[in-house]
Amino acid sequence: MKPQTKNLSLAWQVCLMVMLSVILVMLPDLAHAQATAANTPMGAVLCTVTAWFTGNTGKGLATIAITVIGIGALLGKVSWGMAIIVGIGVAIIFGAASIVQAMGTTAQSGCTQATS
């Protein structure tokens, strides 16, 4: 093995060990955060972003994206593979809540709007 490749491999291994250590240290915090994520300011921001993606803004952007990519594919300017990828991406965005719920999470699904 070349010296550069050996050093790069060692750097990746060190990076992986540091990331795993950080995750291990944060596990108790992550377990506690699951129950109260929607009640935090960051949880509210994430719920707002989710509402943007799945609400009228997201539907409008998805419609424009599908239209533009479809026209580009029909004219031969965009590959059909890219058109399919965009379609799958849109389906994943709008089906994300169902996907998460199907994974069997025990946390409350969906965002709750705070009433104050």
PDB file of N, CA and C in Angstrom:
ATOM      1  N   MET A   1       0.844  -1.169   0.000  1.00  0.00           N
ATOM      2  CA  MET A   1       0.000   0.000   0.000  1.00  0.00           C
ATOM      3  C   MET A   1       0.896   1.241   0.000  1.00  0.00           C
ATOM      4  N   LYS A   2       0.470   2.275  -0.752  1.00  0.00           N
ATOM      5  CA  LYS A   2       1.236   3.513  -0.797  1.00  0.00           C
ATOM      6  C   LYS A   2       1.100   4.248   0.539  1.00  0.00           C
ATOM      7  N   PRO A   3       2.101   5.041   0.892  1.00  0.00           N
ATOM      8  CA  PRO A   3       2.026   5.779   2.164  1.00  0.00           C
ATOM      9  C   PRO A   3       0.808   6.717   2.231  1.00  0.00           C
ATOM     10  N   GLN A   4       0.460   7.371   1.106  1.00  0.00           N
ATOM     11  CA  GLN A   4      -0.692   8.272   1.113  1.00  0.00           C
ATOM     12  C   GLN A   4      -1.985   7.503   1.359  1.00  0.00           C
ATOM     13  N   THR A   5      -2.118   6.350   0.712  1.00  0.00           N
ATOM     14  CA  THR A   5      -3.319   5.538   0.877  1.00  0.00           C
ATOM     15  C   THR A   5      -3.421   5.019   2.304  1.00  0.00           C
ATOM     16  N   LYS A   6      -2.282   4.643   2.877  1.00  0.00           N
ATOM     17  CA  LYS A   6      -2.281   4.157   4.250  1.00  0.00           C
ATOM     18  C   LYS A   6      -2.689   5.262   5.220  1.00  0.00           C
ATOM     19  N   ASN A   7      -2.184   6.487   5.014  1.00  0.00           N
ATOM     20  CA  ASN A   7      -2.550   7.601   5.873  1.00  0.00           C
ATOM     21  C   ASN A   7      -4.020   7.958   5.721  1.00  0.00           C
ATOM     22  N   LEU A   8      -4.536   7.907   4.485  1.00  0.00           N
ATOM     23  CA  LEU A   8      -5.944   8.209   4.249  1.00  0.00           C
ATOM     24  C   LEU A   8      -6.834   7.159   4.900  1.00  0.00           C
ATOM     25  N   SER A   9      -6.436   5.909   4.810  1.00  0.00           N
ATOM     26  CA  SER A   9      -7.198   4.840   5.452  1.00  0.00           C
ATOM     27  C   SER A   9      -7.201   5.011   6.966  1.00  0.00           C
ATOM     28  N   LEU A  10      -6.081   5.368   7.509  1.00  0.00           N
ATOM     29  CA  LEU A  10      -5.994   5.600   8.952  1.00  0.00           C
ATOM     30  C   LEU A  10      -6.855   6.799   9.359  1.00  0.00           C
ATOM     31  N   ALA A  11      -6.870   7.833   8.539  1.00  0.00           N
ATOM     32  CA  ALA A  11      -7.686   9.015   8.836  1.00  0.00           C
ATOM     33  C   ALA A  11      -9.172   8.653   8.845  1.00  0.00           C
ATOM     34  N   TRP A  12      -9.611   7.832   7.896  1.00  0.00           N
ATOM     35  CA  TRP A  12     -11.016   7.406   7.867  1.00  0.00           C
ATOM     36  C   TRP A  12     -11.363   6.570   9.089  1.00  0.00           C
ATOM     37  N   GLN A  13     -10.454   5.713   9.490  1.00  0.00           N
ATOM     38  CA  GLN A  13     -10.700   4.885  10.662  1.00  0.00           C
ATOM     39  C   GLN A  13     -10.811   5.745  11.925  1.00  0.00           C
ATOM     40  N   VAL A  14      -9.944   6.739  12.056  1.00  0.00           N
ATOM     41  CA  VAL A  14      -9.998   7.636  13.210  1.00  0.00           C
ATOM     42  C   VAL A  14     -11.300   8.430  13.184  1.00  0.00           C
ATOM     43  N   CYS A  15     -11.673   8.923  12.006  1.00  0.00           N
ATOM     44  CA  CYS A  15     -12.917   9.686  11.869  1.00  0.00           C
ATOM     45  C   CYS A  15     -14.116   8.826  12.254  1.00  0.00           C
ATOM     46  N   LEU A  16     -14.145   7.591  11.808  1.00  0.00           N
ATOM     47  CA  LEU A  16     -15.236   6.683  12.142  1.00  0.00           C
ATOM     48  C   LEU A  16     -15.297   6.419  13.638  1.00  0.00           C
ATOM     49  N   MET A  17     -14.164   6.233  14.268  1.00  0.00           N
ATOM     50  CA  MET A  17     -14.139   5.989  15.706  1.00  0.00           C
ATOM     51  C   MET A  17     -14.634   7.216  16.481  1.00  0.00           C
ATOM     52  N   VAL A  18     -14.260   8.413  16.040  1.00  0.00           N
ATOM     53  CA  VAL A  18     -14.719   9.635  16.705  1.00  0.00           C
ATOM     54  C   VAL A  18     -16.227   9.770  16.558  1.00  0.00           C
ATOM     55  N   MET A  19     -16.755   9.534  15.354  1.00  0.00           N
ATOM     56  CA  MET A  19     -18.202   9.638  15.140  1.00  0.00           C
ATOM     57  C   MET A  19     -18.962   8.621  15.976  1.00  0.00           C
ATOM     58  N   LEU A  20     -18.470   7.407  16.044  1.00  0.00           N
ATOM     59  CA  LEU A  20     -19.124   6.385  16.854  1.00  0.00           C
ATOM     60  C   LEU A  20     -19.079   6.746  18.339  1.00  0.00           C
ATOM     61  N   SER A  21     -17.986   7.324  18.773  1.00  0.00           N
ATOM     62  CA  SER A  21     -17.882   7.742  20.175  1.00  0.00           C
ATOM     63  C   SER A  21     -18.882   8.842  20.491  1.00  0.00           C
ATOM     64  N   VAL A  22     -19.028   9.796  19.597  1.00  0.00           N
ATOM     65  CA  VAL A  22     -19.989  10.880  19.803  1.00  0.00           C
ATOM     66  C   VAL A  22     -21.407  10.326  19.860  1.00  0.00           C
ATOM     67  N   ILE A  23     -21.733   9.416  18.963  1.00  0.00           N
ATOM     68  CA  ILE A  23     -23.074   8.809  18.964  1.00  0.00           C
ATOM     69  C   ILE A  23     -23.311   8.057  20.263  1.00  0.00           C
ATOM     70  N   LEU A  24     -22.318   7.318  20.709  1.00  0.00           N
ATOM     71  CA  LEU A  24     -22.454   6.560  21.947  1.00  0.00           C
ATOM     72  C   LEU A  24     -22.667   7.476  23.149  1.00  0.00           C
ATOM     73  N   VAL A  25     -21.963   8.602  23.177  1.00  0.00           N
ATOM     74  CA  VAL A  25     -22.114   9.550  24.280  1.00  0.00           C
ATOM     75  C   VAL A  25     -23.493  10.201  24.240  1.00  0.00           C
ATOM     76  N   MET A  26     -24.038  10.424  23.050  1.00  0.00           N
ATOM     77  CA  MET A  26     -25.319  11.122  22.914  1.00  0.00           C
ATOM     78  C   MET A  26     -26.536  10.203  23.041  1.00  0.00           C
ATOM     79  N   LEU A  27     -26.355   8.912  23.099  1.00  0.00           N
ATOM     80  CA  LEU A  27     -27.500   7.994  23.145  1.00  0.00           C
ATOM     81  C   LEU A  27     -28.495   8.295  24.262  1.00  0.00           C
ATOM     82  N   PRO A  28     -28.070   8.570  25.489  1.00  0.00           N
ATOM     83  CA  PRO A  28     -29.066   8.902  26.511  1.00  0.00           C
ATOM     84  C   PRO A  28     -29.867  10.161  26.170  1.00  0.00           C
ATOM     85  N   ASP A  29     -29.210  11.168  25.600  1.00  0.00           N
ATOM     86  CA  ASP A  29     -29.913  12.386  25.213  1.00  0.00           C
ATOM     87  C   ASP A  29     -30.893  12.111  24.081  1.00  0.00           C
ATOM     88  N   LEU A  30     -30.506  11.284  23.128  1.00  0.00           N
ATOM     89  CA  LEU A  30     -31.395  10.970  22.016  1.00  0.00           C
ATOM     90  C   LEU A  30     -32.619  10.204  22.494  1.00  0.00           C
ATOM     91  N   ALA A  31     -32.445   9.316  23.433  1.00  0.00           N
ATOM     92  CA  ALA A  31     -33.578   8.559  23.958  1.00  0.00           C
ATOM     93  C   ALA A  31     -34.565   9.479  24.651  1.00  0.00           C
ATOM     94  N   HIS A  32     -34.070  10.460  25.388  1.00  0.00           N
ATOM     95  CA  HIS A  32     -34.947  11.416  26.061  1.00  0.00           C
ATOM     96  C   HIS A  32     -35.591  12.367  25.055  1.00  0.00           C
ATOM     97  N   ALA A  33     -34.875  12.718  23.996  1.00  0.00           N
ATOM     98  CA  ALA A  33     -35.378  13.691  23.034  1.00  0.00           C
ATOM     99  C   ALA A  33     -36.550  13.138  22.235  1.00  0.00           C
ATOM    100  N   GLN A  34     -36.639  11.840  22.072  1.00  0.00           N
ATOM    101  CA  GLN A  34     -37.715  11.259  21.273  1.00  0.00           C
ATOM    102  C   GLN A  34     -39.080  11.578  21.869  1.00  0.00           C
ATOM    103  N   ALA A  35     -39.201  11.568  23.157  1.00  0.00           N
ATOM    104  CA  ALA A  35     -40.496  11.786  23.786  1.00  0.00           C
ATOM    105  C   ALA A  35     -40.906  13.248  23.770  1.00  0.00           C
ATOM    106  N   THR A  36     -39.947  14.167  23.729  1.00  0.00           N
ATOM    107  CA  THR A  36     -40.294  15.575  23.840  1.00  0.00           C
ATOM    108  C   THR A  36     -39.907  16.385  22.618  1.00  0.00           C
ATOM    109  N   ALA A  37     -39.630  15.748  21.476  1.00  0.00           N
ATOM    110  CA  ALA A  37     -39.138  16.477  20.309  1.00  0.00           C
ATOM    111  C   ALA A  37     -40.145  17.485  19.791  1.00  0.00           C
ATOM    112  N   ALA A  38     -41.436  17.169  19.794  1.00  0.00           N
ATOM    113  CA  ALA A  38     -42.432  18.085  19.253  1.00  0.00           C
ATOM    114  C   ALA A  38     -42.672  19.265  20.176  1.00  0.00           C
ATOM    115  N   ASN A  39     -42.254  19.188  21.432  1.00  0.00           N
ATOM    116  CA  ASN A  39     -42.495  20.262  22.383  1.00  0.00           C
ATOM    117  C   ASN A  39     -41.328  21.230  22.500  1.00  0.00           C
ATOM    118  N   THR A  40     -40.308  21.067  21.694  1.00  0.00           N
ATOM    119  CA  THR A  40     -39.148  21.941  21.749  1.00  0.00           C
ATOM    120  C   THR A  40     -39.221  22.959  20.620  1.00  0.00           C
ATOM    121  N   PRO A  41     -38.475  24.046  20.728  1.00  0.00           N
ATOM    122  CA  PRO A  41     -38.459  25.019  19.626  1.00  0.00           C
ATOM    123  C   PRO A  41     -37.967  24.400  18.311  1.00  0.00           C
ATOM    124  N   MET A  42     -36.960  23.535  18.397  1.00  0.00           N
ATOM    125  CA  MET A  42     -36.465  22.891  17.174  1.00  0.00           C
ATOM    126  C   MET A  42     -37.517  21.960  16.596  1.00  0.00           C
ATOM    127  N   GLY A  43     -38.258  21.274  17.449  1.00  0.00           N
ATOM    128  CA  GLY A  43     -39.342  20.418  16.975  1.00  0.00           C
ATOM    129  C   GLY A  43     -40.406  21.220  16.245  1.00  0.00           C
ATOM    130  N   ALA A  44     -40.700  22.411  16.748  1.00  0.00           N
ATOM    131  CA  ALA A  44     -41.675  23.281  16.089  1.00  0.00           C
ATOM    132  C   ALA A  44     -41.174  23.718  14.712  1.00  0.00           C
ATOM    133  N   VAL A  45     -39.868  24.041  14.623  1.00  0.00           N
ATOM    134  CA  VAL A  45     -39.292  24.438  13.336  1.00  0.00           C
ATOM    135  C   VAL A  45     -39.367  23.280  12.346  1.00  0.00           C
ATOM    136  N   LEU A  46     -39.021  22.075  12.802  1.00  0.00           N
ATOM    137  CA  LEU A  46     -39.064  20.920  11.915  1.00  0.00           C
ATOM    138  C   LEU A  46     -40.490  20.612  11.464  1.00  0.00           C
ATOM    139  N   CYS A  47     -41.460  20.810  12.355  1.00  0.00           N
ATOM    140  CA  CYS A  47     -42.855  20.607  11.968  1.00  0.00           C
ATOM    141  C   CYS A  47     -43.288  21.642  10.941  1.00  0.00           C
ATOM    142  N   THR A  48     -42.801  22.876  11.079  1.00  0.00           N
ATOM    143  CA  THR A  48     -43.115  23.910  10.094  1.00  0.00           C
ATOM    144  C   THR A  48     -42.525  23.564   8.734  1.00  0.00           C
ATOM    145  N   VAL A  49     -41.284  23.103   8.714  1.00  0.00           N
ATOM    146  CA  VAL A  49     -40.648  22.715   7.451  1.00  0.00           C
ATOM    147  C   VAL A  49     -41.392  21.534   6.835  1.00  0.00           C
ATOM    148  N   THR A  50     -41.806  20.580   7.647  1.00  0.00           N
ATOM    149  CA  THR A  50     -42.579  19.446   7.154  1.00  0.00           C
ATOM    150  C   THR A  50     -43.885  19.919   6.538  1.00  0.00           C
ATOM    151  N   ALA A  51     -44.527  20.888   7.183  1.00  0.00           N
ATOM    152  CA  ALA A  51     -45.774  21.433   6.639  1.00  0.00           C
ATOM    153  C   ALA A  51     -45.528  22.124   5.303  1.00  0.00           C
ATOM    154  N   TRP A  52     -44.383  22.781   5.143  1.00  0.00           N
ATOM    155  CA  TRP A  52     -44.069  23.416   3.862  1.00  0.00           C
ATOM    156  C   TRP A  52     -43.926  22.368   2.764  1.00  0.00           C
ATOM    157  N   PHE A  53     -43.217  21.275   3.070  1.00  0.00           N
ATOM    158  CA  PHE A  53     -42.973  20.254   2.054  1.00  0.00           C
ATOM    159  C   PHE A  53     -44.242  19.517   1.657  1.00  0.00           C
ATOM    160  N   THR A  54     -45.116  19.269   2.608  1.00  0.00           N
ATOM    161  CA  THR A  54     -46.305  18.470   2.310  1.00  0.00           C
ATOM    162  C   THR A  54     -47.547  19.333   2.088  1.00  0.00           C
ATOM    163  N   GLY A  55     -47.445  20.633   2.278  1.00  0.00           N
ATOM    164  CA  GLY A  55     -48.588  21.520   2.088  1.00  0.00           C
ATOM    165  C   GLY A  55     -48.657  22.042   0.664  1.00  0.00           C
ATOM    166  N   ASN A  56     -49.322  23.173   0.511  1.00  0.00           N
ATOM    167  CA  ASN A  56     -49.513  23.755  -0.817  1.00  0.00           C
ATOM    168  C   ASN A  56     -48.200  24.164  -1.470  1.00  0.00           C
ATOM    169  N   THR A  57     -47.237  24.642  -0.694  1.00  0.00           N
ATOM    170  CA  THR A  57     -45.937  25.025  -1.253  1.00  0.00           C
ATOM    171  C   THR A  57     -45.247  23.815  -1.868  1.00  0.00           C
ATOM    172  N   GLY A  58     -45.209  22.729  -1.135  1.00  0.00           N
ATOM    173  CA  GLY A  58     -44.570  21.518  -1.643  1.00  0.00           C
ATOM    174  C   GLY A  58     -45.290  20.941  -2.838  1.00  0.00           C
ATOM    175  N   LYS A  59     -46.616  20.960  -2.814  1.00  0.00           N
ATOM    176  CA  LYS A  59     -47.386  20.440  -3.950  1.00  0.00           C
ATOM    177  C   LYS A  59     -47.142  21.267  -5.200  1.00  0.00           C
ATOM    178  N   GLY A  60     -47.070  22.588  -5.026  1.00  0.00           N
ATOM    179  CA  GLY A  60     -46.791  23.454  -6.179  1.00  0.00           C
ATOM    180  C   GLY A  60     -45.404  23.212  -6.747  1.00  0.00           C
ATOM    181  N   LEU A  61     -44.400  23.138  -5.862  1.00  0.00           N
ATOM    182  CA  LEU A  61     -43.034  22.881  -6.328  1.00  0.00           C
ATOM    183  C   LEU A  61     -42.900  21.510  -6.974  1.00  0.00           C
ATOM    184  N   ALA A  62     -43.575  20.516  -6.410  1.00  0.00           N
ATOM    185  CA  ALA A  62     -43.519  19.167  -6.991  1.00  0.00           C
ATOM    186  C   ALA A  62     -44.163  19.151  -8.372  1.00  0.00           C
ATOM    187  N   THR A  63     -45.273  19.867  -8.530  1.00  0.00           N
ATOM    188  CA  THR A  63     -45.939  19.932  -9.828  1.00  0.00           C
ATOM    189  C   THR A  63     -45.038  20.593 -10.865  1.00  0.00           C
ATOM    190  N   ILE A  64     -44.378  21.681 -10.478  1.00  0.00           N
ATOM    191  CA  ILE A  64     -43.465  22.357 -11.405  1.00  0.00           C
ATOM    192  C   ILE A  64     -42.286  21.451 -11.745  1.00  0.00           C
ATOM    193  N   ALA A  65     -41.725  20.771 -10.736  1.00  0.00           N
ATOM    194  CA  ALA A  65     -40.576  19.884 -10.972  1.00  0.00           C
ATOM    195  C   ALA A  65     -40.939  18.746 -11.915  1.00  0.00           C
ATOM    196  N   ILE A  66     -42.095  18.110 -11.687  1.00  0.00           N
ATOM    197  CA  ILE A  66     -42.509  16.997 -12.545  1.00  0.00           C
ATOM    198  C   ILE A  66     -42.770  17.496 -13.964  1.00  0.00           C
ATOM    199  N   THR A  67     -43.404  18.666 -14.101  1.00  0.00           N
ATOM    200  CA  THR A  67     -43.689  19.221 -15.420  1.00  0.00           C
ATOM    201  C   THR A  67     -42.406  19.537 -16.183  1.00  0.00           C
ATOM    202  N   VAL A  68     -41.486  20.237 -15.541  1.00  0.00           N
ATOM    203  CA  VAL A  68     -40.244  20.622 -16.205  1.00  0.00           C
ATOM    204  C   VAL A  68     -39.407  19.400 -16.557  1.00  0.00           C
ATOM    205  N   ILE A  69     -39.279  18.477 -15.638  1.00  0.00           N
ATOM    206  CA  ILE A  69     -38.453  17.292 -15.909  1.00  0.00           C
ATOM    207  C   ILE A  69     -39.112  16.405 -16.963  1.00  0.00           C
ATOM    208  N   GLY A  70     -40.447  16.352 -16.963  1.00  0.00           N
ATOM    209  CA  GLY A  70     -41.158  15.572 -17.982  1.00  0.00           C
ATOM    210  C   GLY A  70     -40.978  16.150 -19.365  1.00  0.00           C
ATOM    211  N   ILE A  71     -41.100  17.472 -19.487  1.00  0.00           N
ATOM    212  CA  ILE A  71     -40.888  18.118 -20.784  1.00  0.00           C
ATOM    213  C   ILE A  71     -39.450  17.932 -21.247  1.00  0.00           C
ATOM    214  N   GLY A  72     -38.504  18.072 -20.303  1.00  0.00           N
ATOM    215  CA  GLY A  72     -37.103  17.858 -20.643  1.00  0.00           C
ATOM    216  C   GLY A  72     -36.829  16.436 -21.103  1.00  0.00           C
ATOM    217  N   ALA A  73     -37.472  15.465 -20.477  1.00  0.00           N
ATOM    218  CA  ALA A  73     -37.280  14.065 -20.881  1.00  0.00           C
ATOM    219  C   ALA A  73     -37.896  13.809 -22.250  1.00  0.00           C
ATOM    220  N   LEU A  74     -39.078  14.384 -22.500  1.00  0.00           N
ATOM    221  CA  LEU A  74     -39.709  14.196 -23.808  1.00  0.00           C
ATOM    222  C   LEU A  74     -38.904  14.837 -24.931  1.00  0.00           C
ATOM    223  N   LEU A  75     -38.229  15.943 -24.650  1.00  0.00           N
ATOM    224  CA  LEU A  75     -37.414  16.620 -25.658  1.00  0.00           C
ATOM    225  C   LEU A  75     -36.015  16.025 -25.769  1.00  0.00           C
ATOM    226  N   GLY A  76     -35.678  15.093 -24.893  1.00  0.00           N
ATOM    227  CA  GLY A  76     -34.369  14.448 -24.948  1.00  0.00           C
ATOM    228  C   GLY A  76     -33.271  15.236 -24.250  1.00  0.00           C
ATOM    229  N   LYS A  77     -33.615  16.259 -23.508  1.00  0.00           N
ATOM    230  CA  LYS A  77     -32.618  17.064 -22.795  1.00  0.00           C
ATOM    231  C   LYS A  77     -32.285  16.484 -21.426  1.00  0.00           C
ATOM    232  N   VAL A  78     -33.178  15.671 -20.894  1.00  0.00           N
ATOM    233  CA  VAL A  78     -32.989  15.045 -19.586  1.00  0.00           C
ATOM    234  C   VAL A  78     -33.185  13.542 -19.784  1.00  0.00           C
ATOM    235  N   SER A  79     -32.356  12.748 -19.129  1.00  0.00           N
ATOM    236  CA  SER A  79     -32.499  11.303 -19.263  1.00  0.00           C
ATOM    237  C   SER A  79     -33.765  10.816 -18.557  1.00  0.00           C
ATOM    238  N   TRP A  80     -34.299   9.722 -19.039  1.00  0.00           N
ATOM    239  CA  TRP A  80     -35.493   9.164 -18.410  1.00  0.00           C
ATOM    240  C   TRP A  80     -35.185   8.675 -17.008  1.00  0.00           C
ATOM    241  N   GLY A  81     -33.948   8.269 -16.785  1.00  0.00           N
ATOM    242  CA  GLY A  81     -33.547   7.859 -15.445  1.00  0.00           C
ATOM    243  C   GLY A  81     -33.670   9.008 -14.455  1.00  0.00           C
ATOM    244  N   MET A  82     -33.264  10.208 -14.877  1.00  0.00           N
ATOM    245  CA  MET A  82     -33.380  11.382 -14.010  1.00  0.00           C
ATOM    246  C   MET A  82     -34.850  11.714 -13.766  1.00  0.00           C
ATOM    247  N   ALA A  83     -35.678  11.572 -14.783  1.00  0.00           N
ATOM    248  CA  ALA A  83     -37.111  11.837 -14.616  1.00  0.00           C
ATOM    249  C   ALA A  83     -37.723  10.865 -13.607  1.00  0.00           C
ATOM    250  N   ILE A  84     -37.327   9.617 -13.676  1.00  0.00           N
ATOM    251  CA  ILE A  84     -37.838   8.622 -12.727  1.00  0.00           C
ATOM    252  C   ILE A  84     -37.348   8.932 -11.315  1.00  0.00           C
ATOM    253  N   ILE A  85     -36.090   9.353 -11.197  1.00  0.00           N
ATOM    254  CA  ILE A  85     -35.547   9.699  -9.885  1.00  0.00           C
ATOM    255  C   ILE A  85     -36.312  10.866  -9.268  1.00  0.00           C
ATOM    256  N   VAL A  86     -36.647  11.878 -10.064  1.00  0.00           N
ATOM    257  CA  VAL A  86     -37.418  13.015  -9.555  1.00  0.00           C
ATOM    258  C   VAL A  86     -38.798  12.549  -9.107  1.00  0.00           C
ATOM    259  N   GLY A  87     -39.428  11.678  -9.896  1.00  0.00           N
ATOM    260  CA  GLY A  87     -40.738  11.153  -9.515  1.00  0.00           C
ATOM    261  C   GLY A  87     -40.687  10.359  -8.217  1.00  0.00           C
ATOM    262  N   ILE A  88     -39.668   9.536  -8.066  1.00  0.00           N
ATOM    263  CA  ILE A  88     -39.519   8.754  -6.835  1.00  0.00           C
ATOM    264  C   ILE A  88     -39.248   9.678  -5.652  1.00  0.00           C
ATOM    265  N   GLY A  89     -38.443  10.725  -5.873  1.00  0.00           N
ATOM    266  CA  GLY A  89     -38.167  11.690  -4.804  1.00  0.00           C
ATOM    267  C   GLY A  89     -39.429  12.390  -4.331  1.00  0.00           C
ATOM    268  N   VAL A  90     -40.283  12.787  -5.265  1.00  0.00           N
ATOM    269  CA  VAL A  90     -41.549  13.432  -4.908  1.00  0.00           C
ATOM    270  C   VAL A  90     -42.432  12.452  -4.138  1.00  0.00           C
ATOM    271  N   ALA A  91     -42.471  11.208  -4.593  1.00  0.00           N
ATOM    272  CA  ALA A  91     -43.281  10.201  -3.892  1.00  0.00           C
ATOM    273  C   ALA A  91     -42.774   9.964  -2.479  1.00  0.00           C
ATOM    274  N   ILE A  92     -41.472   9.953  -2.294  1.00  0.00           N
ATOM    275  CA  ILE A  92     -40.905   9.749  -0.958  1.00  0.00           C
ATOM    276  C   ILE A  92     -41.228  10.931  -0.047  1.00  0.00           C
ATOM    277  N   ILE A  93     -41.123  12.150  -0.578  1.00  0.00           N
ATOM    278  CA  ILE A  93     -41.420  13.337   0.246  1.00  0.00           C
ATOM    279  C   ILE A  93     -42.860  13.309   0.734  1.00  0.00           C
ATOM    280  N   PHE A  94     -43.798  13.017  -0.168  1.00  0.00           N
ATOM    281  CA  PHE A  94     -45.203  13.044   0.232  1.00  0.00           C
ATOM    282  C   PHE A  94     -45.619  11.780   0.980  1.00  0.00           C
ATOM    283  N   GLY A  95     -44.845  10.713   0.869  1.00  0.00           N
ATOM    284  CA  GLY A  95     -45.163   9.489   1.584  1.00  0.00           C
ATOM    285  C   GLY A  95     -44.317   9.271   2.823  1.00  0.00           C
ATOM    286  N   ALA A  96     -43.509  10.269   3.193  1.00  0.00           N
ATOM    287  CA  ALA A  96     -42.584  10.112   4.314  1.00  0.00           C
ATOM    288  C   ALA A  96     -43.308   9.804   5.622  1.00  0.00           C
ATOM    289  N   ALA A  97     -44.427  10.467   5.865  1.00  0.00           N
ATOM    290  CA  ALA A  97     -45.156  10.217   7.118  1.00  0.00           C
ATOM    291  C   ALA A  97     -45.644   8.777   7.175  1.00  0.00           C
ATOM    292  N   SER A  98     -46.127   8.261   6.058  1.00  0.00           N
ATOM    293  CA  SER A  98     -46.575   6.863   6.020  1.00  0.00           C
ATOM    294  C   SER A  98     -45.410   5.905   6.188  1.00  0.00           C
ATOM    295  N   ILE A  99     -44.268   6.260   5.599  1.00  0.00           N
ATOM    296  CA  ILE A  99     -43.083   5.403   5.715  1.00  0.00           C
ATOM    297  C   ILE A  99     -42.629   5.329   7.172  1.00  0.00           C
ATOM    298  N   VAL A 100     -42.593   6.465   7.841  1.00  0.00           N
ATOM    299  CA  VAL A 100     -42.167   6.491   9.244  1.00  0.00           C
ATOM    300  C   VAL A 100     -43.156   5.714  10.103  1.00  0.00           C
ATOM    301  N   GLN A 101     -44.437   5.880   9.846  1.00  0.00           N
ATOM    302  CA  GLN A 101     -45.447   5.166  10.623  1.00  0.00           C
ATOM    303  C   GLN A 101     -45.364   3.661  10.367  1.00  0.00           C
ATOM    304  N   ALA A 102     -45.048   3.260   9.144  1.00  0.00           N
ATOM    305  CA  ALA A 102     -44.931   1.840   8.818  1.00  0.00           C
ATOM    306  C   ALA A 102     -43.715   1.198   9.470  1.00  0.00           C
ATOM    307  N   MET A 103     -42.726   2.005   9.823  1.00  0.00           N
ATOM    308  CA  MET A 103     -41.527   1.468  10.467  1.00  0.00           C
ATOM    309  C   MET A 103     -41.798   1.070  11.903  1.00  0.00           C
ATOM    310  N   GLY A 104     -42.988   1.359  12.410  1.00  0.00           N
ATOM    311  CA  GLY A 104     -43.368   0.904  13.735  1.00  0.00           C
ATOM    312  C   GLY A 104     -42.874   1.789  14.850  1.00  0.00           C
ATOM    313  N   THR A 105     -42.782   3.079  14.625  1.00  0.00           N
ATOM    314  CA  THR A 105     -42.343   3.960  15.695  1.00  0.00           C
ATOM    315  C   THR A 105     -43.417   4.051  16.763  1.00  0.00           C
ATOM    316  N   THR A 106     -42.991   4.159  17.991  1.00  0.00           N
ATOM    317  CA  THR A 106     -43.948   4.258  19.086  1.00  0.00           C
ATOM    318  C   THR A 106     -44.231   5.699  19.445  1.00  0.00           C
ATOM    319  N   ALA A 107     -43.455   6.623  18.901  1.00  0.00           N
ATOM    320  CA  ALA A 107     -43.691   8.030  19.189  1.00  0.00           C
ATOM    321  C   ALA A 107     -44.945   8.496  18.445  1.00  0.00           C
ATOM    322  N   GLN A 108     -45.481   9.601  18.885  1.00  0.00           N
ATOM    323  CA  GLN A 108     -46.674  10.142  18.256  1.00  0.00           C
ATOM    324  C   GLN A 108     -46.321  10.529  16.822  1.00  0.00           C
ATOM    325  N   SER A 109     -47.125  10.093  15.876  1.00  0.00           N
ATOM    326  CA  SER A 109     -46.823  10.394  14.486  1.00  0.00           C
ATOM    327  C   SER A 109     -47.420  11.746  14.120  1.00  0.00           C
ATOM    328  N   GLY A 110     -46.711  12.464  13.296  1.00  0.00           N
ATOM    329  CA  GLY A 110     -47.190  13.761  12.853  1.00  0.00           C
ATOM    330  C   GLY A 110     -46.839  14.858  13.819  1.00  0.00           C
ATOM    331  N   CYS A 111     -47.024  16.072  13.362  1.00  0.00           N
ATOM    332  CA  CYS A 111     -46.723  17.229  14.191  1.00  0.00           C
ATOM    333  C   CYS A 111     -48.002  17.739  14.824  1.00  0.00           C
ATOM    334  N   THR A 112     -47.892  18.130  16.062  1.00  0.00           N
ATOM    335  CA  THR A 112     -49.033  18.730  16.736  1.00  0.00           C
ATOM    336  C   THR A 112     -48.779  20.217  16.848  1.00  0.00           C
ATOM    337  N   GLN A 113     -49.782  20.980  16.544  1.00  0.00           N
ATOM    338  CA  GLN A 113     -49.663  22.430  16.631  1.00  0.00           C
ATOM    339  C   GLN A 113     -49.872  22.861  18.070  1.00  0.00           C
ATOM    340  N   ALA A 114     -48.951  23.650  18.558  1.00  0.00           N
ATOM    341  CA  ALA A 114     -49.044  24.126  19.932  1.00  0.00           C
ATOM    342  C   ALA A 114     -50.163  25.166  20.029  1.00  0.00           C
ATOM    343  N   THR A 115     -50.980  25.043  21.028  1.00  0.00           N
ATOM    344  CA  THR A 115     -52.046  26.018  21.247  1.00  0.00           C
ATOM    345  C   THR A 115     -51.667  26.874  22.441  1.00  0.00           C
ATOM    346  N   SER A 116     -51.415  28.137  22.176  1.00  0.00           N
ATOM    347  CA  SER A 116     -51.033  29.010  23.292  1.00  0.00           C
ATOM    348  C   SER A 116     -51.834  30.276  23.266  1.00  0.00           C
TER     349      SER A 116
END
